[in-house]
Amino acid sequence: MILSVSRRTDIPAHYAEWFFNRIRDGFALVRNPMNFHHVSRINITPDAVDGIVFWTKDPTPMLPRLGELARYHYYFQFTLNSYAADVEPGVCSKAGHIIPAFKRLSDMIGPERVIWRYDPILINEKYTSAYHIKYFERLARSLRSYTKKCVFSFIDLYRSTRKDLAELSVHPLVPERKSMLAKSISDIASSYELRLESCAEDIPLEYCGVAHGRCVDADLLGKISGRRIEAKRDKNQRTACGCAESVDIGMYGTCPSGCRYCYANRSMRNVARNVARHDPVLPLLCGEIGPGDSISERKTPPCRRCRQGNIFS
């Protein structure tokens, strides 16, 4: 299987110790988001995991311990936006902390394994199209030697984010405006020799030089591992999503970063309750197994693997 760590919360930034404890013990317990009392026991030993996709805005807590992942194949989806604290209140200084962390991670594992995410793009009176073009160029110039690819998307209006986005007075984007902004960003990416891909965008952008992306990318993991990995498309994602099937070990409502566009948190009060129940030594990300819970072994047929050359070695 491919392991996703995690679309539901920022495990590298906030729960790195828990994750490495799970690697040490070889399994994690994960509650079903649709059925709280149904808990899966997931085997995450190297023999069971074809590759890991990490999702984060700050991998710093993981960096001193990457050596513990020597038997795993992995890459990072690293979100680095140009927003201030009004949109990303819990994210550290971009210039003082996040950009240096991006570069340090790339120096450690290679630019092919650090995917830059400029995601999602929202437009309001402050964060205009011109603003995004200006700061995307600044970030691209700074990161050009530390990544090979950038993934972007436009804001989606989820029910859980509508209140926050309404307070930010986010403007709806018609396809024509999306295409114009995508073309400007594509031209900048091209000038810095960065491949630009979209994330789950249902409008055609190929003519702008933008490919439809696969954030969980079995082909990339195959290149990293030296094995061809054949994985099915993830049917649980949006129709326009090209991601391969993966198993997520995160939990919704647990990310204290508090980004106001985030679909994974219903309220920061709920996040605070969950964070208070976190213990890094326990197999569940938050809380313990209760009397009404049932645990079952997660059956995950492995992806098909065929030996091939590792293009990064």
C-alpha atoms as a PDB file:
ATOM      1  CA  MET A   1       0.000   0.000   0.000  1.00  0.00           C
ATOM      2  CA  ILE A   2       0.875   3.661  -0.239  1.00  0.00           C
ATOM      3  CA  LEU A   3       0.704   5.449   3.093  1.00  0.00           C
ATOM      4  CA  SER A   4      -0.636   9.027   3.294  1.00  0.00           C
ATOM      5  CA  VAL A   5       0.725  11.050   6.237  1.00  0.00           C
ATOM      6  CA  SER A   6      -1.678  12.873   6.089  1.00  0.00           C
ATOM      7  CA  ARG A   7      -4.397  14.724   4.195  1.00  0.00           C
ATOM      8  CA  ARG A   8      -6.344  15.027   7.450  1.00  0.00           C
ATOM      9  CA  THR A   9      -3.770  16.804   9.621  1.00  0.00           C
ATOM     10  CA  ASP A  10      -0.151  17.972   9.602  1.00  0.00           C
ATOM     11  CA  ILE A  11       1.594  15.008  11.211  1.00  0.00           C
ATOM     12  CA  PRO A  12       5.181  16.109  10.375  1.00  0.00           C
ATOM     13  CA  ALA A  13       4.646  19.540  11.989  1.00  0.00           C
ATOM     14  CA  HIS A  14       2.619  18.548  15.050  1.00  0.00           C
ATOM     15  CA  TYR A  15       2.790  14.793  15.617  1.00  0.00           C
ATOM     16  CA  ALA A  16       6.264  13.706  14.498  1.00  0.00           C
ATOM     17  CA  GLU A  17       7.085  11.901  17.744  1.00  0.00           C
ATOM     18  CA  TRP A  18       3.848   9.899  17.506  1.00  0.00           C
ATOM     19  CA  PHE A  19       4.625   8.967  13.907  1.00  0.00           C
ATOM     20  CA  PHE A  20       8.122   7.698  14.695  1.00  0.00           C
ATOM     21  CA  ASN A  21       6.709   5.698  17.613  1.00  0.00           C
ATOM     22  CA  ARG A  22       4.279   4.109  15.159  1.00  0.00           C
ATOM     23  CA  ILE A  23       7.173   3.310  12.783  1.00  0.00           C
ATOM     24  CA  ARG A  24       9.049   1.735  15.678  1.00  0.00           C
ATOM     25  CA  ASP A  25       6.052  -0.405  16.670  1.00  0.00           C
ATOM     26  CA  GLY A  26       5.112  -1.227  13.078  1.00  0.00           C
ATOM     27  CA  PHE A  27       1.419  -0.335  13.248  1.00  0.00           C
ATOM     28  CA  ALA A  28      -1.046   2.500  13.793  1.00  0.00           C
ATOM     29  CA  LEU A  29      -4.652   2.584  14.936  1.00  0.00           C
ATOM     30  CA  VAL A  30      -6.946   4.846  12.918  1.00  0.00           C
ATOM     31  CA  ARG A  31     -10.579   5.703  13.552  1.00  0.00           C
ATOM     32  CA  ASN A  32     -12.951   5.575  10.614  1.00  0.00           C
ATOM     33  CA  PRO A  33     -13.992   9.205   9.897  1.00  0.00           C
ATOM     34  CA  MET A  34     -17.514   7.970   9.083  1.00  0.00           C
ATOM     35  CA  ASN A  35     -17.838   5.599  12.054  1.00  0.00           C
ATOM     36  CA  PHE A  36     -16.029   6.797  15.178  1.00  0.00           C
ATOM     37  CA  HIS A  37     -16.119   3.448  16.971  1.00  0.00           C
ATOM     38  CA  HIS A  38     -14.695   1.482  14.049  1.00  0.00           C
ATOM     39  CA  VAL A  39     -10.907   1.409  14.436  1.00  0.00           C
ATOM     40  CA  SER A  40      -8.490  -0.052  11.898  1.00  0.00           C
ATOM     41  CA  ARG A  41      -5.153  -1.562  12.834  1.00  0.00           C
ATOM     42  CA  ILE A  42      -2.808  -0.751   9.966  1.00  0.00           C
ATOM     43  CA  ASN A  43       0.446  -2.555   9.383  1.00  0.00           C
ATOM     44  CA  ILE A  44       3.067   0.074   8.502  1.00  0.00           C
ATOM     45  CA  THR A  45       6.206  -2.058   8.478  1.00  0.00           C
ATOM     46  CA  PRO A  46       8.568  -1.609   5.507  1.00  0.00           C
ATOM     47  CA  ASP A  47       7.363  -4.893   3.978  1.00  0.00           C
ATOM     48  CA  ALA A  48       3.759  -3.612   3.962  1.00  0.00           C
ATOM     49  CA  VAL A  49       4.413  -0.086   2.688  1.00  0.00           C
ATOM     50  CA  ASP A  50       5.290   0.584  -0.950  1.00  0.00           C
ATOM     51  CA  GLY A  51       5.841   4.268  -0.260  1.00  0.00           C
ATOM     52  CA  ILE A  52       4.889   7.193   1.959  1.00  0.00           C
ATOM     53  CA  VAL A  53       3.553  10.606   0.951  1.00  0.00           C
ATOM     54  CA  PHE A  54       4.033  13.227   3.662  1.00  0.00           C
ATOM     55  CA  TRP A  55       1.871  16.379   3.624  1.00  0.00           C
ATOM     56  CA  THR A  56       3.105  19.340   5.653  1.00  0.00           C
ATOM     57  CA  LYS A  57       3.641  23.061   6.062  1.00  0.00           C
ATOM     58  CA  ASP A  58       6.640  22.524   8.352  1.00  0.00           C
ATOM     59  CA  PRO A  59       8.704  19.311   8.439  1.00  0.00           C
ATOM     60  CA  THR A  60      11.208  20.687  10.976  1.00  0.00           C
ATOM     61  CA  PRO A  61      10.348  18.258  13.831  1.00  0.00           C
ATOM     62  CA  MET A  62      11.022  15.303  11.504  1.00  0.00           C
ATOM     63  CA  LEU A  63      14.344  16.423  10.062  1.00  0.00           C
ATOM     64  CA  PRO A  64      16.670  15.148  12.825  1.00  0.00           C
ATOM     65  CA  ARG A  65      15.026  11.697  12.595  1.00  0.00           C
ATOM     66  CA  LEU A  66      14.798  11.056   8.861  1.00  0.00           C
ATOM     67  CA  GLY A  67      17.438   8.362   9.280  1.00  0.00           C
ATOM     68  CA  GLU A  68      14.771   6.236  10.971  1.00  0.00           C
ATOM     69  CA  LEU A  69      13.012   6.037   7.595  1.00  0.00           C
ATOM     70  CA  ALA A  70      15.981   4.441   5.834  1.00  0.00           C
ATOM     71  CA  ARG A  71      13.960   1.321   4.946  1.00  0.00           C
ATOM     72  CA  TYR A  72      11.049   3.343   3.504  1.00  0.00           C
ATOM     73  CA  HIS A  73      10.573   5.161   0.198  1.00  0.00           C
ATOM     74  CA  TYR A  74       8.926   8.548   0.512  1.00  0.00           C
ATOM     75  CA  TYR A  75       8.528  12.110  -0.660  1.00  0.00           C
ATOM     76  CA  PHE A  76       7.011  15.305   0.752  1.00  0.00           C
ATOM     77  CA  GLN A  77       4.135  17.466  -0.415  1.00  0.00           C
ATOM     78  CA  PHE A  78       5.273  20.763   1.137  1.00  0.00           C
ATOM     79  CA  THR A  79       2.707  23.588   1.222  1.00  0.00           C
ATOM     80  CA  LEU A  80       4.316  27.025   1.098  1.00  0.00           C
ATOM     81  CA  ASN A  81       1.937  29.883   0.413  1.00  0.00           C
ATOM     82  CA  SER A  82       2.265  33.660   0.495  1.00  0.00           C
ATOM     83  CA  TYR A  83      -0.491  34.237   3.070  1.00  0.00           C
ATOM     84  CA  ALA A  84      -0.072  36.123   6.338  1.00  0.00           C
ATOM     85  CA  ALA A  85      -1.497  35.244   9.779  1.00  0.00           C
ATOM     86  CA  ASP A  86      -4.995  36.384   8.782  1.00  0.00           C
ATOM     87  CA  VAL A  87      -5.237  33.228   6.646  1.00  0.00           C
ATOM     88  CA  GLU A  88      -2.600  30.906   8.163  1.00  0.00           C
ATOM     89  CA  PRO A  89      -2.497  31.942  11.844  1.00  0.00           C
ATOM     90  CA  GLY A  90      -0.540  28.958  13.142  1.00  0.00           C
ATOM     91  CA  VAL A  91       2.176  28.812  10.484  1.00  0.00           C
ATOM     92  CA  CYS A  92       5.636  30.141  11.366  1.00  0.00           C
ATOM     93  CA  SER A  93       7.399  32.956   9.529  1.00  0.00           C
ATOM     94  CA  LYS A  94       7.860  32.042   5.887  1.00  0.00           C
ATOM     95  CA  ALA A  95      11.139  33.911   5.407  1.00  0.00           C
ATOM     96  CA  GLY A  96      12.556  33.166   8.847  1.00  0.00           C
ATOM     97  CA  HIS A  97      11.548  29.537   9.269  1.00  0.00           C
ATOM     98  CA  ILE A  98       9.526  27.813   6.558  1.00  0.00           C
ATOM     99  CA  ILE A  99      11.645  28.608   3.482  1.00  0.00           C
ATOM    100  CA  PRO A 100      14.864  27.582   5.310  1.00  0.00           C
ATOM    101  CA  ALA A 101      13.131  24.354   6.384  1.00  0.00           C
ATOM    102  CA  PHE A 102      12.141  23.665   2.767  1.00  0.00           C
ATOM    103  CA  LYS A 103      15.737  24.122   1.634  1.00  0.00           C
ATOM    104  CA  ARG A 104      17.142  22.008   4.450  1.00  0.00           C
ATOM    105  CA  LEU A 105      14.734  19.151   3.661  1.00  0.00           C
ATOM    106  CA  SER A 106      15.647  19.334  -0.023  1.00  0.00           C
ATOM    107  CA  ASP A 107      19.362  19.256   0.807  1.00  0.00           C
ATOM    108  CA  MET A 108      18.762  16.124   2.885  1.00  0.00           C
ATOM    109  CA  ILE A 109      16.610  14.054   0.520  1.00  0.00           C
ATOM    110  CA  GLY A 110      16.924  15.736  -2.901  1.00  0.00           C
ATOM    111  CA  PRO A 111      14.765  18.251  -4.815  1.00  0.00           C
ATOM    112  CA  GLU A 112      12.898  15.504  -6.712  1.00  0.00           C
ATOM    113  CA  ARG A 113      11.376  14.359  -3.413  1.00  0.00           C
ATOM    114  CA  VAL A 114      10.142  17.745  -2.203  1.00  0.00           C
ATOM    115  CA  ILE A 115       7.048  18.885  -4.108  1.00  0.00           C
ATOM    116  CA  TRP A 116       6.155  22.535  -3.596  1.00  0.00           C
ATOM    117  CA  ARG A 117       2.430  23.184  -3.096  1.00  0.00           C
ATOM    118  CA  TYR A 118       1.090  26.692  -3.694  1.00  0.00           C
ATOM    119  CA  ASP A 119      -2.328  25.687  -2.534  1.00  0.00           C
ATOM    120  CA  PRO A 120      -5.073  26.813  -2.377  1.00  0.00           C
ATOM    121  CA  ILE A 121      -5.273  30.119  -4.217  1.00  0.00           C
ATOM    122  CA  LEU A 122      -7.964  32.411  -2.802  1.00  0.00           C
ATOM    123  CA  ILE A 123      -8.752  35.881  -4.098  1.00  0.00           C
ATOM    124  CA  ASN A 124      -9.991  38.845  -2.083  1.00  0.00           C
ATOM    125  CA  GLU A 125      -9.229  42.563  -1.773  1.00  0.00           C
ATOM    126  CA  LYS A 126      -5.848  41.840  -0.154  1.00  0.00           C
ATOM    127  CA  TYR A 127      -4.825  38.673  -1.974  1.00  0.00           C
ATOM    128  CA  THR A 128      -5.475  39.764  -5.534  1.00  0.00           C
ATOM    129  CA  SER A 129      -4.354  38.028  -8.706  1.00  0.00           C
ATOM    130  CA  ALA A 130      -1.514  40.554  -8.945  1.00  0.00           C
ATOM    131  CA  TYR A 131      -0.495  39.724  -5.375  1.00  0.00           C
ATOM    132  CA  HIS A 132      -0.313  36.004  -6.143  1.00  0.00           C
ATOM    133  CA  ILE A 133       1.688  36.577  -9.316  1.00  0.00           C
ATOM    134  CA  LYS A 134       4.173  38.784  -7.453  1.00  0.00           C
ATOM    135  CA  TYR A 135       4.745  36.433  -4.526  1.00  0.00           C
ATOM    136  CA  PHE A 136       4.612  33.234  -6.550  1.00  0.00           C
ATOM    137  CA  GLU A 137       7.516  34.635  -8.551  1.00  0.00           C
ATOM    138  CA  ARG A 138       9.444  35.456  -5.374  1.00  0.00           C
ATOM    139  CA  LEU A 139       8.935  31.967  -3.987  1.00  0.00           C
ATOM    140  CA  ALA A 140       9.765  30.301  -7.306  1.00  0.00           C
ATOM    141  CA  ARG A 141      12.993  32.262  -7.498  1.00  0.00           C
ATOM    142  CA  SER A 142      13.917  31.229  -3.958  1.00  0.00           C
ATOM    143  CA  LEU A 143      12.995  27.544  -4.346  1.00  0.00           C
ATOM    144  CA  ARG A 144      14.116  26.855  -7.915  1.00  0.00           C
ATOM    145  CA  SER A 145      17.199  24.855  -6.850  1.00  0.00           C
ATOM    146  CA  TYR A 146      15.307  22.955  -4.159  1.00  0.00           C
ATOM    147  CA  THR A 147      12.356  21.452  -6.014  1.00  0.00           C
ATOM    148  CA  LYS A 148      11.463  20.257  -9.495  1.00  0.00           C
ATOM    149  CA  LYS A 149       7.690  20.630  -9.376  1.00  0.00           C
ATOM    150  CA  CYS A 150       4.973  22.923  -8.068  1.00  0.00           C
ATOM    151  CA  VAL A 151       1.336  21.916  -7.528  1.00  0.00           C
ATOM    152  CA  PHE A 152      -1.413  24.511  -7.182  1.00  0.00           C
ATOM    153  CA  SER A 153      -5.177  24.648  -6.869  1.00  0.00           C
ATOM    154  CA  PHE A 154      -7.924  27.205  -6.509  1.00  0.00           C
ATOM    155  CA  ILE A 155      -9.989  27.464  -3.345  1.00  0.00           C
ATOM    156  CA  ASP A 156     -12.958  25.115  -2.973  1.00  0.00           C
ATOM    157  CA  LEU A 157     -15.918  26.259  -0.894  1.00  0.00           C
ATOM    158  CA  TYR A 158     -16.425  23.387   1.544  1.00  0.00           C
ATOM    159  CA  ARG A 159     -19.258  23.573   4.042  1.00  0.00           C
ATOM    160  CA  SER A 160     -16.745  23.508   6.927  1.00  0.00           C
ATOM    161  CA  THR A 161     -14.870  26.558   5.584  1.00  0.00           C
ATOM    162  CA  ARG A 162     -17.696  28.785   4.377  1.00  0.00           C
ATOM    163  CA  LYS A 163     -17.874  30.915   7.538  1.00  0.00           C
ATOM    164  CA  ASP A 164     -14.133  31.633   7.621  1.00  0.00           C
ATOM    165  CA  LEU A 165     -13.996  32.319   3.906  1.00  0.00           C
ATOM    166  CA  ALA A 166     -17.018  34.613   4.135  1.00  0.00           C
ATOM    167  CA  GLU A 167     -15.192  36.611   6.828  1.00  0.00           C
ATOM    168  CA  LEU A 168     -12.229  36.907   4.452  1.00  0.00           C
ATOM    169  CA  SER A 169     -14.591  38.128   1.680  1.00  0.00           C
ATOM    170  CA  VAL A 170     -13.236  35.591  -0.783  1.00  0.00           C
ATOM    171  CA  HIS A 171     -14.213  36.330  -4.371  1.00  0.00           C
ATOM    172  CA  PRO A 172     -15.616  33.536  -6.537  1.00  0.00           C
ATOM    173  CA  LEU A 173     -13.429  32.746  -9.522  1.00  0.00           C
ATOM    174  CA  VAL A 174     -14.964  32.090 -12.924  1.00  0.00           C
ATOM    175  CA  PRO A 175     -13.081  29.701 -15.255  1.00  0.00           C
ATOM    176  CA  GLU A 176     -11.770  32.574 -17.389  1.00  0.00           C
ATOM    177  CA  ARG A 177     -10.072  34.250 -14.412  1.00  0.00           C
ATOM    178  CA  LYS A 178      -8.682  30.921 -13.257  1.00  0.00           C
ATOM    179  CA  SER A 179      -7.189  30.307 -16.683  1.00  0.00           C
ATOM    180  CA  MET A 180      -5.617  33.780 -16.830  1.00  0.00           C
ATOM    181  CA  LEU A 181      -4.003  33.372 -13.410  1.00  0.00           C
ATOM    182  CA  ALA A 182      -2.880  29.830 -14.202  1.00  0.00           C
ATOM    183  CA  LYS A 183      -1.205  31.063 -17.395  1.00  0.00           C
ATOM    184  CA  SER A 184       0.700  33.759 -15.489  1.00  0.00           C
ATOM    185  CA  ILE A 185       1.851  31.284 -12.852  1.00  0.00           C
ATOM    186  CA  SER A 186       2.761  28.754 -15.524  1.00  0.00           C
ATOM    187  CA  ASP A 187       4.951  31.276 -17.328  1.00  0.00           C
ATOM    188  CA  ILE A 188       6.779  32.053 -14.076  1.00  0.00           C
ATOM    189  CA  ALA A 189       7.255  28.370 -13.244  1.00  0.00           C
ATOM    190  CA  SER A 190       8.602  27.707 -16.719  1.00  0.00           C
ATOM    191  CA  SER A 191      11.103  30.550 -16.418  1.00  0.00           C
ATOM    192  CA  TYR A 192      12.549  28.824 -13.349  1.00  0.00           C
ATOM    193  CA  GLU A 193      12.421  25.352 -14.934  1.00  0.00           C
ATOM    194  CA  LEU A 194       9.692  24.137 -12.596  1.00  0.00           C
ATOM    195  CA  ARG A 195       7.019  21.700 -13.759  1.00  0.00           C
ATOM    196  CA  LEU A 196       3.573  23.056 -12.872  1.00  0.00           C
ATOM    197  CA  GLU A 197       0.629  20.772 -12.117  1.00  0.00           C
ATOM    198  CA  SER A 198      -2.895  21.399 -10.887  1.00  0.00           C
ATOM    199  CA  CYS A 199      -4.546  19.581  -7.996  1.00  0.00           C
ATOM    200  CA  ALA A 200      -8.068  18.312  -8.700  1.00  0.00           C
ATOM    201  CA  GLU A 201      -8.956  21.160 -11.058  1.00  0.00           C
ATOM    202  CA  ASP A 202     -11.787  20.247 -13.428  1.00  0.00           C
ATOM    203  CA  ILE A 203     -11.064  22.923 -16.039  1.00  0.00           C
ATOM    204  CA  PRO A 204      -8.647  22.262 -18.933  1.00  0.00           C
ATOM    205  CA  LEU A 205      -5.338  24.017 -18.318  1.00  0.00           C
ATOM    206  CA  GLU A 206      -3.009  22.074 -20.596  1.00  0.00           C
ATOM    207  CA  TYR A 207      -2.938  24.948 -23.100  1.00  0.00           C
ATOM    208  CA  CYS A 208      -1.512  27.093 -20.262  1.00  0.00           C
ATOM    209  CA  GLY A 209       1.319  24.616 -19.757  1.00  0.00           C
ATOM    210  CA  VAL A 210      -0.326  23.065 -16.695  1.00  0.00           C
ATOM    211  CA  ALA A 211      -0.694  19.300 -16.378  1.00  0.00           C
ATOM    212  CA  HIS A 212      -3.304  17.575 -14.214  1.00  0.00           C
ATOM    213  CA  GLY A 213      -1.380  16.364 -11.192  1.00  0.00           C
ATOM    214  CA  ARG A 214      -1.337  13.261  -9.008  1.00  0.00           C
ATOM    215  CA  CYS A 215      -0.355  14.276  -5.499  1.00  0.00           C
ATOM    216  CA  VAL A 216      -0.208  10.636  -4.430  1.00  0.00           C
ATOM    217  CA  ASP A 217       1.954   9.551  -7.334  1.00  0.00           C
ATOM    218  CA  ALA A 218       2.742   5.861  -7.739  1.00  0.00           C
ATOM    219  CA  ASP A 219       5.058   6.625 -10.663  1.00  0.00           C
ATOM    220  CA  LEU A 220       7.181   8.977  -8.560  1.00  0.00           C
ATOM    221  CA  LEU A 221       7.349   6.457  -5.729  1.00  0.00           C
ATOM    222  CA  GLY A 222       8.390   3.871  -8.298  1.00  0.00           C
ATOM    223  CA  LYS A 223      11.250   6.078  -9.455  1.00  0.00           C
ATOM    224  CA  ILE A 224      12.327   6.670  -5.862  1.00  0.00           C
ATOM    225  CA  SER A 225      12.188   3.001  -4.903  1.00  0.00           C
ATOM    226  CA  GLY A 226      13.477   1.538  -8.158  1.00  0.00           C
ATOM    227  CA  ARG A 227      10.294  -0.518  -8.530  1.00  0.00           C
ATOM    228  CA  ARG A 228       7.352  -0.037 -10.828  1.00  0.00           C
ATOM    229  CA  ILE A 229       4.315   0.369  -8.581  1.00  0.00           C
ATOM    230  CA  GLU A 230       0.921  -0.284 -10.155  1.00  0.00           C
ATOM    231  CA  ALA A 231      -1.785   1.327  -8.048  1.00  0.00           C
ATOM    232  CA  LYS A 232      -5.440   2.019  -8.785  1.00  0.00           C
ATOM    233  CA  ARG A 233      -6.845   5.533  -8.866  1.00  0.00           C
ATOM    234  CA  ASP A 234      -8.332   6.572  -5.525  1.00  0.00           C
ATOM    235  CA  LYS A 235     -12.100   6.462  -6.017  1.00  0.00           C
ATOM    236  CA  ASN A 236     -12.704   8.149  -2.654  1.00  0.00           C
ATOM    237  CA  GLN A 237     -11.314  11.477  -3.900  1.00  0.00           C
ATOM    238  CA  ARG A 238     -12.951  14.087  -6.124  1.00  0.00           C
ATOM    239  CA  THR A 239     -13.620  13.193  -9.752  1.00  0.00           C
ATOM    240  CA  ALA A 240     -10.854  15.476 -11.029  1.00  0.00           C
ATOM    241  CA  CYS A 241      -8.298  14.022  -8.599  1.00  0.00           C
ATOM    242  CA  GLY A 242      -5.665  11.799 -10.212  1.00  0.00           C
ATOM    243  CA  CYS A 243      -4.197  10.405  -6.995  1.00  0.00           C
ATOM    244  CA  ALA A 244      -3.347   6.755  -6.547  1.00  0.00           C
ATOM    245  CA  GLU A 245      -5.137   4.814  -3.844  1.00  0.00           C
ATOM    246  CA  SER A 246      -3.582   5.258  -0.407  1.00  0.00           C
ATOM    247  CA  VAL A 247      -4.222   4.618   3.284  1.00  0.00           C
ATOM    248  CA  ASP A 248      -4.363   7.695   5.511  1.00  0.00           C
ATOM    249  CA  ILE A 249      -3.288   7.431   9.165  1.00  0.00           C
ATOM    250  CA  GLY A 250      -4.344  10.939  10.203  1.00  0.00           C
ATOM    251  CA  MET A 251      -7.446  12.227  11.989  1.00  0.00           C
ATOM    252  CA  TYR A 252      -9.681  15.163  11.143  1.00  0.00           C
ATOM    253  CA  GLY A 253      -9.992  18.000  13.637  1.00  0.00           C
ATOM    254  CA  THR A 254      -6.466  17.715  15.017  1.00  0.00           C
ATOM    255  CA  CYS A 255      -4.352  20.340  13.220  1.00  0.00           C
ATOM    256  CA  PRO A 256      -3.589  23.369  15.421  1.00  0.00           C
ATOM    257  CA  SER A 257      -2.242  25.435  12.518  1.00  0.00           C
ATOM    258  CA  GLY A 258      -5.774  26.821  12.058  1.00  0.00           C
ATOM    259  CA  CYS A 259      -5.546  27.700   8.352  1.00  0.00           C
ATOM    260  CA  ARG A 260      -8.852  29.308   7.505  1.00  0.00           C
ATOM    261  CA  TYR A 261      -9.285  27.513   4.180  1.00  0.00           C
ATOM    262  CA  CYS A 262      -8.748  24.048   5.690  1.00  0.00           C
ATOM    263  CA  TYR A 263     -11.514  21.489   5.163  1.00  0.00           C
ATOM    264  CA  ALA A 264     -10.121  19.142   7.840  1.00  0.00           C
ATOM    265  CA  ASN A 265     -11.094  21.213  10.905  1.00  0.00           C
ATOM    266  CA  ARG A 266     -14.673  21.982  11.885  1.00  0.00           C
ATOM    267  CA  SER A 267     -13.719  24.344  14.729  1.00  0.00           C
ATOM    268  CA  MET A 268     -10.623  25.261  16.691  1.00  0.00           C
ATOM    269  CA  ARG A 269     -12.477  24.413  19.904  1.00  0.00           C
ATOM    270  CA  ASN A 270     -12.823  20.846  18.647  1.00  0.00           C
ATOM    271  CA  VAL A 271      -9.141  20.847  17.653  1.00  0.00           C
ATOM    272  CA  ALA A 272      -8.133  21.974  21.158  1.00  0.00           C
ATOM    273  CA  ARG A 273     -10.113  19.112  22.715  1.00  0.00           C
ATOM    274  CA  ASN A 274      -8.488  16.582  20.422  1.00  0.00           C
ATOM    275  CA  VAL A 275      -4.970  17.953  20.920  1.00  0.00           C
ATOM    276  CA  ALA A 276      -5.439  17.691  24.696  1.00  0.00           C
ATOM    277  CA  ARG A 277      -6.173  13.971  24.247  1.00  0.00           C
ATOM    278  CA  HIS A 278      -3.016  13.315  22.234  1.00  0.00           C
ATOM    279  CA  ASP A 279      -0.342  11.077  23.770  1.00  0.00           C
ATOM    280  CA  PRO A 280       2.601  10.263  21.476  1.00  0.00           C
ATOM    281  CA  VAL A 281       3.062   6.810  22.993  1.00  0.00           C
ATOM    282  CA  LEU A 282      -0.484   5.651  22.195  1.00  0.00           C
ATOM    283  CA  PRO A 283      -1.323   3.946  18.883  1.00  0.00           C
ATOM    284  CA  LEU A 284      -4.271   6.289  18.205  1.00  0.00           C
ATOM    285  CA  LEU A 285      -3.385   9.825  17.193  1.00  0.00           C
ATOM    286  CA  CYS A 286      -5.831  11.199  19.770  1.00  0.00           C
ATOM    287  CA  GLY A 287      -7.402   9.416  22.714  1.00  0.00           C
ATOM    288  CA  GLU A 288      -7.563   5.786  23.695  1.00  0.00           C
ATOM    289  CA  ILE A 289      -9.599   2.734  22.771  1.00  0.00           C
ATOM    290  CA  GLY A 290     -12.908   2.731  24.629  1.00  0.00           C
ATOM    291  CA  PRO A 291     -15.380  -0.018  25.586  1.00  0.00           C
ATOM    292  CA  GLY A 292     -17.598   0.676  22.566  1.00  0.00           C
ATOM    293  CA  ASP A 293     -14.788   0.494  20.019  1.00  0.00           C
ATOM    294  CA  SER A 294     -14.104  -2.427  17.706  1.00  0.00           C
ATOM    295  CA  ILE A 295     -10.671  -2.999  16.152  1.00  0.00           C
ATOM    296  CA  SER A 296     -10.178  -4.804  12.872  1.00  0.00           C
ATOM    297  CA  GLU A 297      -7.072  -5.474  10.819  1.00  0.00           C
ATOM    298  CA  ARG A 298      -7.006  -3.271   7.735  1.00  0.00           C
ATOM    299  CA  LYS A 299      -6.711  -5.474   4.670  1.00  0.00           C
ATOM    300  CA  THR A 300      -4.557  -3.669   2.137  1.00  0.00           C
ATOM    301  CA  PRO A 301      -3.512  -5.692  -0.906  1.00  0.00           C
ATOM    302  CA  PRO A 302      -0.054  -4.461  -1.905  1.00  0.00           C
ATOM    303  CA  CYS A 303       0.551  -2.594  -5.120  1.00  0.00           C
ATOM    304  CA  ARG A 304       2.190  -4.680  -7.832  1.00  0.00           C
ATOM    305  CA  ARG A 305       5.947  -4.131  -7.881  1.00  0.00           C
ATOM    306  CA  CYS A 306       8.510  -4.856 -10.574  1.00  0.00           C
ATOM    307  CA  ARG A 307      12.207  -4.169 -10.119  1.00  0.00           C
ATOM    308  CA  GLN A 308      13.619  -1.308 -12.175  1.00  0.00           C
ATOM    309  CA  GLY A 309      16.407   1.235 -11.888  1.00  0.00           C
ATOM    310  CA  ASN A 310      16.277   4.031  -9.324  1.00  0.00           C
ATOM    311  CA  ILE A 311      16.661   7.222 -11.371  1.00  0.00           C
ATOM    312  CA  PHE A 312      17.710   9.233  -8.319  1.00  0.00           C
ATOM    313  CA  SER A 313      20.686   7.045  -7.357  1.00  0.00           C
END
